[in-house]
Amino acid sequence: MNLKQEKDELISILWKLKNATLASQPRPVDFSQLLHDRNFRSDFIEQAANSSYSEIRHAAKRARELDARGPLE
């Protein structure tokens, strides 16, 4: 898998996590901030990794792996 495919996969996972966690967030997640602010993204992924839903935890684990490979920009 090349870098562009990994970035595309990460963006797709983040979008799905944003929508999956929408009801549990005190306010809507700013997707632009999620893409461009690495600290915000890391915190968001960490919260998802602690979800009570295994599918969300699994997606967060994959997002964490992809995010560790480098910035989205």
Protein backbone atom coordinates (compact mmCIF):
# COMPACT_ATOMS: atom_id res chain seq x y z
CA MET A 1 0.00 0.00 0.00
CA ASN A 2 1.48 3.36 -0.96
CA LEU A 3 1.44 6.55 1.09
CA LYS A 4 -1.52 8.08 -0.76
CA GLN A 5 -3.62 4.96 -0.20
CA GLU A 6 -2.71 5.00 3.50
CA LYS A 7 -3.70 8.67 3.80
CA ASP A 8 -6.96 7.99 1.97
CA GLU A 9 -7.67 5.07 4.29
CA LEU A 10 -6.93 7.22 7.36
CA ILE A 11 -9.23 10.00 6.14
CA SER A 12 -11.98 7.45 5.49
CA ILE A 13 -11.59 5.93 8.95
CA LEU A 14 -11.61 9.36 10.60
CA TRP A 15 -14.81 10.27 8.76
CA LYS A 16 -16.46 7.04 9.90
CA LEU A 17 -15.27 7.52 13.48
CA LYS A 18 -16.51 11.11 13.47
CA ASN A 19 -19.95 9.96 12.41
CA ALA A 20 -19.97 6.93 14.70
CA THR A 21 -19.09 8.99 17.77
CA LEU A 22 -21.34 11.94 16.92
CA ALA A 23 -23.94 11.14 19.58
CA SER A 24 -21.34 10.72 22.33
CA GLN A 25 -19.58 14.06 21.69
CA PRO A 26 -20.64 17.17 23.64
CA ARG A 27 -20.37 19.12 20.38
CA PRO A 28 -19.83 18.10 16.75
CA VAL A 29 -16.27 17.25 15.77
CA ASP A 30 -14.73 19.73 13.33
CA PHE A 31 -13.53 17.45 10.52
CA SER A 32 -11.13 20.08 9.17
CA GLN A 33 -9.51 20.34 12.58
CA LEU A 34 -9.40 16.56 12.77
CA LEU A 35 -7.45 16.47 9.51
CA HIS A 36 -5.07 19.36 10.18
CA ASP A 37 -4.42 19.34 13.93
CA ARG A 38 -2.35 16.30 14.83
CA ASN A 39 -2.85 16.73 18.61
CA PHE A 40 -6.62 17.05 18.20
CA ARG A 41 -6.62 13.98 15.92
CA SER A 42 -4.53 11.99 18.39
CA ASP A 43 -6.89 12.86 21.26
CA PHE A 44 -9.91 11.98 19.13
CA ILE A 45 -8.42 8.62 18.13
CA GLU A 46 -7.57 7.91 21.78
CA GLN A 47 -11.17 8.59 22.82
CA ALA A 48 -12.42 6.29 20.07
CA ALA A 49 -9.95 3.61 21.18
CA ASN A 50 -11.67 3.63 24.57
CA SER A 51 -15.15 3.19 23.13
CA SER A 52 -17.43 0.52 24.50
CA TYR A 53 -18.03 -0.63 20.90
CA SER A 54 -15.49 -3.07 19.50
CA GLU A 55 -15.92 -1.85 15.91
CA ILE A 56 -15.02 1.69 16.94
CA ARG A 57 -12.04 0.46 18.98
CA HIS A 58 -10.83 -1.61 16.01
CA ALA A 59 -11.14 1.35 13.61
CA ALA A 60 -9.32 3.58 16.11
CA LYS A 61 -6.48 1.07 16.35
CA ARG A 62 -6.06 1.12 12.56
CA ALA A 63 -6.29 4.92 12.51
CA ARG A 64 -3.57 5.10 15.17
CA GLU A 65 -1.31 2.83 13.07
CA LEU A 66 -1.84 4.93 9.95
CA ASP A 67 -1.48 8.24 11.78
CA ALA A 68 1.87 7.17 13.21
CA ARG A 69 3.29 6.88 9.69
CA GLY A 70 3.28 10.60 9.07
CA PRO A 71 1.27 13.78 8.64
CA LEU A 72 -1.78 14.01 6.41
CA GLU A 73 -0.53 17.14 4.66
